[in-house]
Amino acid sequence: MSAADRGELMTEHGRGYPFADHDLAHRLEHAEGAAGAAFVSARARVRPESMAEWTRLAGAWLLFDGAQSPVTQTFCLGLDEPADDRVLGEVEHFFHSRGAPVDHEVSPLVGCELPSLLCRRGYQPVELKNNLYRPIWPGVTLSASRNDRLRVRRIGLEECDLWAQISARGWGEVPGAGDFMQDLGQLARERTGGVCFLAELDGMPIAAAGLAMHRGVALMAGASTIPEARRQGAQLALLEARLQHAAAEGCTLAMQGALPGSTSQRNAERHGFRIAYTLTKWRLDLPGTGDGG
């Protein structure tokens, strides 16, 4: 049986791209769920007054990081176990009782029954995201020119605030994102399973990125460059360093999310990532607010 018949496409190095099926979705989405849970746990330790909490229900990850946090949502709903009206009722109580709307990122691998049920319960689609992935291996490199003035390194715990400051400046043009990233210094010190990287140009930090690893999957997250230092190759250098670190730690797949048709998607595809599938985020507002309540 050929590699194509097995649902695998090979890179020039002989490493296969797993077929984009339920098994792949399980690996990718549980990596995101686990990374989110580690983040929420760090928040709960650093700021107990935030009431940050996560739990598992019917195979899904339920993450509460504050009513306005982008981390507050579910992952893997309906992917491993059916999500019926009873399950959704319990999930909705978890979020609504904490003053948050309910957001689910739903994979197309769950089929049509769950989206139909969400519609009947008043949910509305609010966002699309492509999950992209690629195989990695020890010594993986990216075929692109490099800036010899750049150096990428893992940060020490004493540099978490610096890392957060660079991240915040890089994300400052996105409404609300800069403030969120600025708050990550203490959380980076407390989070388990995550690694932070800085890119330096002539010794000055100009870009930051994060990496989370779960059961052989490396999740690329949070990469940004300060505005005055863009187009110097920092993002490429950060991506390659994270892929190499993850592969050395035993990961065989890397993943990242991107808006469909975005520059982020294009850049990821240039460096060997492929679209696995597109997730839909479904929202149910708090009762009495919005169109989804």
Protein backbone atom coordinates (compact mmCIF):
# COMPACT_ATOMS: atom_id res chain seq x y z
CA MET A 1 0.00 0.00 0.00
CA SER A 2 1.39 3.38 -0.98
CA ALA A 3 1.78 6.35 1.37
CA ALA A 4 -1.02 8.12 -0.48
CA ASP A 5 -3.30 5.09 -0.02
CA ARG A 6 -2.57 5.20 3.71
CA GLY A 7 -3.71 8.83 3.76
CA GLU A 8 -0.18 10.18 4.26
CA LEU A 9 1.72 12.65 2.13
CA MET A 10 5.48 12.66 2.49
CA THR A 11 7.83 15.60 2.87
CA GLU A 12 11.11 15.73 1.05
CA HIS A 13 12.67 14.32 4.25
CA GLY A 14 10.40 11.28 4.28
CA ARG A 15 8.23 12.41 7.19
CA GLY A 16 4.53 11.96 6.64
CA TYR A 17 1.64 14.34 7.02
CA PRO A 18 -1.04 12.42 8.95
CA PHE A 19 -4.40 12.33 7.21
CA ALA A 20 -6.78 15.02 8.49
CA ASP A 21 -9.26 12.71 10.19
CA HIS A 22 -10.82 12.29 13.62
CA ASP A 23 -7.59 10.96 15.12
CA LEU A 24 -5.67 14.03 14.00
CA ALA A 25 -8.42 16.33 15.26
CA HIS A 26 -8.27 14.59 18.63
CA ARG A 27 -4.52 15.22 18.89
CA LEU A 28 -4.66 18.84 17.79
CA GLU A 29 -7.65 19.97 19.79
CA HIS A 30 -6.68 18.25 23.00
CA ALA A 31 -3.32 19.99 22.73
CA GLU A 32 -5.16 23.32 22.67
CA GLY A 33 -7.42 22.28 25.52
CA ALA A 34 -4.51 21.18 27.69
CA ALA A 35 -2.57 24.38 26.97
CA GLY A 36 -5.61 26.45 27.91
CA ALA A 37 -6.10 24.48 31.12
CA ALA A 38 -2.47 25.08 32.11
CA PHE A 39 -2.95 28.79 31.50
CA VAL A 40 -6.12 28.90 33.60
CA SER A 41 -4.42 26.98 36.42
CA ALA A 42 -1.59 29.53 36.40
CA ARG A 43 -4.12 32.37 36.58
CA ALA A 44 -5.86 30.72 39.53
CA ARG A 45 -2.56 30.43 41.42
CA VAL A 46 -1.38 33.97 40.67
CA ARG A 47 -4.76 35.71 41.08
CA PRO A 48 -7.17 33.66 43.16
CA GLU A 49 -9.64 36.55 43.09
CA SER A 50 -10.10 35.96 39.34
CA MET A 51 -12.03 32.76 40.13
CA ALA A 52 -10.27 31.17 37.15
CA GLU A 53 -11.20 27.50 36.83
CA TRP A 54 -11.31 24.67 34.35
CA THR A 55 -12.99 21.28 34.26
CA ARG A 56 -13.74 18.37 31.92
CA LEU A 57 -17.22 17.30 30.86
CA ALA A 58 -18.18 14.70 28.26
CA GLY A 59 -14.66 14.76 26.86
CA ALA A 60 -14.60 18.55 26.46
CA TRP A 61 -12.34 21.10 28.16
CA LEU A 62 -14.25 23.94 29.87
CA LEU A 63 -12.00 26.93 30.55
CA PHE A 64 -12.97 30.03 32.54
CA ASP A 65 -10.31 32.76 32.69
CA GLY A 66 -12.63 35.72 33.28
CA ALA A 67 -15.77 36.87 31.49
CA GLN A 68 -13.85 38.88 28.86
CA SER A 69 -10.81 36.63 28.40
CA PRO A 70 -10.20 35.08 24.94
CA VAL A 71 -9.18 31.90 26.81
CA THR A 72 -12.71 31.46 28.21
CA GLN A 73 -14.34 28.83 25.99
CA THR A 74 -14.57 25.08 25.37
CA PHE A 75 -12.40 22.77 23.31
CA CYS A 76 -13.21 19.31 21.93
CA LEU A 77 -16.97 19.57 22.47
CA GLY A 78 -18.62 16.59 20.79
CA LEU A 79 -15.32 15.26 19.47
CA ASP A 80 -14.94 12.25 21.77
CA GLU A 81 -18.37 11.95 23.38
CA PRO A 82 -21.81 13.10 22.19
CA ALA A 83 -22.94 16.52 23.40
CA ASP A 84 -26.72 16.43 23.91
CA ASP A 85 -29.10 18.89 25.55
CA ARG A 86 -28.15 17.68 29.03
CA VAL A 87 -24.43 18.17 28.41
CA LEU A 88 -24.95 21.58 26.84
CA GLY A 89 -27.14 22.63 29.75
CA GLU A 90 -24.36 21.80 32.20
CA VAL A 91 -21.76 23.58 30.06
CA GLU A 92 -23.94 26.66 29.76
CA HIS A 93 -24.45 26.74 33.53
CA PHE A 94 -20.67 26.59 34.06
CA PHE A 95 -20.12 29.76 32.02
CA HIS A 96 -23.33 31.72 32.62
CA SER A 97 -23.09 31.28 36.39
CA ARG A 98 -19.69 32.99 36.17
CA GLY A 99 -21.01 35.90 34.11
CA ALA A 100 -19.52 34.76 30.78
CA PRO A 101 -21.06 33.96 27.42
CA VAL A 102 -20.59 30.41 26.15
CA ASP A 103 -18.10 29.92 23.31
CA HIS A 104 -17.44 26.56 21.67
CA GLU A 105 -14.82 25.93 19.00
CA VAL A 106 -16.42 23.09 17.07
CA SER A 107 -14.57 20.82 14.67
CA PRO A 108 -16.20 19.73 11.41
CA LEU A 109 -15.17 16.19 12.39
CA VAL A 110 -18.10 16.10 14.86
CA GLY A 111 -20.59 16.09 11.95
CA CYS A 112 -23.78 18.10 11.51
CA GLU A 113 -25.80 17.00 14.53
CA LEU A 114 -24.01 19.19 17.05
CA PRO A 115 -24.15 22.42 14.98
CA SER A 116 -27.84 21.77 14.39
CA LEU A 117 -28.38 21.36 18.14
CA LEU A 118 -26.46 24.56 18.84
CA CYS A 119 -28.70 26.44 16.41
CA ARG A 120 -31.81 25.12 18.15
CA ARG A 121 -30.43 26.31 21.48
CA GLY A 122 -29.89 29.85 20.19
CA TYR A 123 -26.17 29.82 19.41
CA GLN A 124 -24.75 31.86 16.55
CA PRO A 125 -21.49 31.36 14.61
CA VAL A 126 -19.10 34.22 15.41
CA GLU A 127 -15.67 33.17 14.14
CA LEU A 128 -13.82 30.76 11.84
CA LYS A 129 -10.32 29.43 12.43
CA ASN A 130 -8.11 27.16 10.36
CA ASN A 131 -6.12 24.55 12.27
CA LEU A 132 -2.82 24.03 10.46
CA TYR A 133 -0.26 21.30 11.11
CA ARG A 134 3.02 19.84 9.90
CA PRO A 135 5.35 16.97 10.88
CA ILE A 136 8.57 17.83 12.72
CA TRP A 137 11.72 15.89 13.58
CA PRO A 138 15.03 16.50 15.40
CA GLY A 139 17.10 19.04 13.48
CA VAL A 140 14.14 20.32 11.44
CA THR A 141 14.99 23.50 9.53
CA LEU A 142 12.99 25.95 7.46
CA SER A 143 14.07 26.65 3.89
CA ALA A 144 14.41 30.43 3.94
CA SER A 145 17.17 33.00 4.18
CA ARG A 146 18.20 34.05 7.68
CA ASN A 147 19.25 37.29 9.30
CA ASP A 148 22.65 36.70 10.93
CA ARG A 149 22.02 39.62 13.30
CA LEU A 150 19.16 37.70 14.95
CA ARG A 151 19.46 35.35 17.92
CA VAL A 152 16.59 33.37 19.44
CA ARG A 153 16.72 31.95 22.93
CA ARG A 154 14.52 30.53 25.67
CA ILE A 155 13.95 32.96 28.48
CA GLY A 156 14.73 32.42 32.13
CA LEU A 157 12.08 32.82 34.81
CA GLU A 158 13.55 36.19 35.75
CA GLU A 159 12.80 37.45 32.22
CA CYS A 160 9.08 36.71 32.13
CA ASP A 161 8.14 40.37 32.61
CA LEU A 162 10.45 41.41 29.74
CA TRP A 163 8.91 38.74 27.54
CA ALA A 164 5.42 40.03 28.41
CA GLN A 165 6.43 43.62 27.64
CA ILE A 166 7.77 42.70 24.18
CA SER A 167 4.66 40.60 23.51
CA ALA A 168 2.39 43.47 24.53
CA ARG A 169 4.19 45.91 22.24
CA GLY A 170 3.97 43.46 19.37
CA TRP A 171 0.24 42.93 19.88
CA GLY A 172 -0.48 46.57 20.75
CA GLU A 173 -2.25 47.31 17.46
CA VAL A 174 -4.88 44.64 18.13
CA PRO A 175 -7.64 46.08 20.38
CA GLY A 176 -7.40 44.57 23.85
CA ALA A 177 -4.58 42.17 22.95
CA GLY A 178 -1.75 44.36 24.24
CA ASP A 179 -3.25 44.63 27.71
CA PHE A 180 -3.90 40.90 27.78
CA MET A 181 -0.32 40.08 26.81
CA GLN A 182 1.13 42.55 29.32
CA ASP A 183 -0.57 40.57 32.05
CA LEU A 184 1.25 37.37 31.11
CA GLY A 185 4.56 37.89 32.93
CA GLN A 186 3.48 36.32 36.21
CA LEU A 187 1.44 33.67 34.42
CA ALA A 188 4.44 32.60 32.33
CA ARG A 189 6.36 31.92 35.54
CA GLU A 190 3.56 29.73 36.88
CA ARG A 191 2.36 27.89 33.77
CA THR A 192 3.39 24.28 33.31
CA GLY A 193 4.10 22.75 29.91
CA GLY A 194 4.86 26.10 28.27
CA VAL A 195 8.12 27.60 27.00
CA CYS A 196 8.72 31.26 26.11
CA PHE A 197 11.20 32.56 23.52
CA LEU A 198 12.70 35.95 22.69
CA ALA A 199 14.26 37.04 19.41
CA GLU A 200 17.05 39.62 19.71
CA LEU A 201 18.40 41.86 16.96
CA ASP A 202 21.95 42.97 17.71
CA GLY A 203 21.32 42.01 21.33
CA MET A 204 18.06 43.94 21.70
CA PRO A 205 14.79 42.00 22.24
CA ILE A 206 12.37 42.68 19.39
CA ALA A 207 10.01 39.70 19.20
CA ALA A 208 8.43 37.10 21.48
CA ALA A 209 6.59 33.83 21.09
CA GLY A 210 5.27 30.93 23.12
CA LEU A 211 5.17 27.17 22.78
CA ALA A 212 3.03 24.56 24.54
CA MET A 213 3.54 20.80 24.21
CA HIS A 214 1.06 18.00 24.86
CA ARG A 215 1.45 14.32 24.00
CA GLY A 216 3.69 14.84 21.00
CA VAL A 217 1.96 17.95 19.64
CA ALA A 218 3.63 21.36 19.73
CA LEU A 219 1.27 24.34 19.76
CA MET A 220 2.75 27.53 18.32
CA ALA A 221 1.23 30.54 20.08
CA GLY A 222 1.47 34.26 20.67
CA ALA A 223 4.22 35.28 18.22
CA SER A 224 4.63 39.03 17.69
CA THR A 225 7.29 41.59 16.76
CA ILE A 226 7.48 45.18 17.96
CA PRO A 227 6.38 47.53 15.14
CA GLU A 228 9.74 49.25 14.55
CA ALA A 229 11.61 45.96 14.10
CA ARG A 230 9.36 44.10 11.68
CA ARG A 231 10.52 42.56 8.39
CA GLN A 232 13.85 41.56 9.90
CA GLY A 233 13.15 37.81 9.96
CA ALA A 234 12.26 37.52 13.64
CA GLN A 235 9.10 35.49 13.07
CA LEU A 236 10.90 32.94 10.91
CA ALA A 237 13.67 32.61 13.49
CA LEU A 238 11.19 32.18 16.34
CA LEU A 239 9.22 29.56 14.42
CA GLU A 240 12.30 27.51 13.56
CA ALA A 241 13.63 27.67 17.13
CA ARG A 242 10.32 26.51 18.56
CA LEU A 243 10.00 23.66 16.06
CA GLN A 244 13.51 22.49 16.87
CA HIS A 245 12.92 22.70 20.62
CA ALA A 246 9.64 20.80 20.38
CA ALA A 247 11.17 18.08 18.19
CA ALA A 248 14.05 17.67 20.64
CA GLU A 249 11.44 17.19 23.39
CA GLY A 250 9.81 14.35 21.44
CA CYS A 251 7.03 16.15 19.55
CA THR A 252 6.26 14.83 16.07
CA LEU A 253 3.59 17.35 15.04
CA ALA A 254 3.40 21.14 15.19
CA MET A 255 0.16 23.10 14.95
CA GLN A 256 -1.09 26.66 14.86
CA GLY A 257 -4.34 28.47 14.23
CA ALA A 258 -5.00 31.22 11.69
CA LEU A 259 -7.93 33.14 10.29
CA PRO A 260 -8.93 31.74 6.89
CA GLY A 261 -7.14 33.52 4.07
CA SER A 262 -4.98 35.56 6.45
CA THR A 263 -1.32 36.54 6.22
CA SER A 264 -0.67 34.21 9.15
CA GLN A 265 -2.11 31.30 7.17
CA ARG A 266 -0.03 32.18 4.10
CA ASN A 267 3.17 32.41 6.13
CA ALA A 268 2.46 29.10 7.86
CA GLU A 269 1.86 27.35 4.53
CA ARG A 270 5.15 28.74 3.21
CA HIS A 271 6.89 26.87 6.01
CA GLY A 272 5.31 23.48 5.57
CA PHE A 273 2.03 23.82 7.48
CA ARG A 274 -1.18 22.55 5.89
CA ILE A 275 -4.79 23.22 6.70
CA ALA A 276 -6.27 20.29 8.57
CA TYR A 277 -9.80 21.72 8.76
CA THR A 278 -11.73 24.85 9.72
CA LEU A 279 -13.31 25.25 13.15
CA THR A 280 -16.41 27.33 13.83
CA LYS A 281 -16.79 29.26 17.06
CA TRP A 282 -20.38 29.22 18.28
CA ARG A 283 -21.59 31.69 20.93
CA LEU A 284 -24.51 31.81 23.32
CA ASP A 285 -24.72 35.15 25.08
CA LEU A 286 -25.74 35.62 28.68
CA PRO A 287 -29.51 35.44 29.11
CA GLY A 288 -31.10 38.76 28.28
CA THR A 289 -28.14 40.09 26.25
CA GLY A 290 -27.21 39.98 22.57
CA ASP A 291 -28.90 37.99 19.86
CA GLY A 292 -27.76 34.60 21.09
CA GLY A 293 -29.43 34.62 24.52
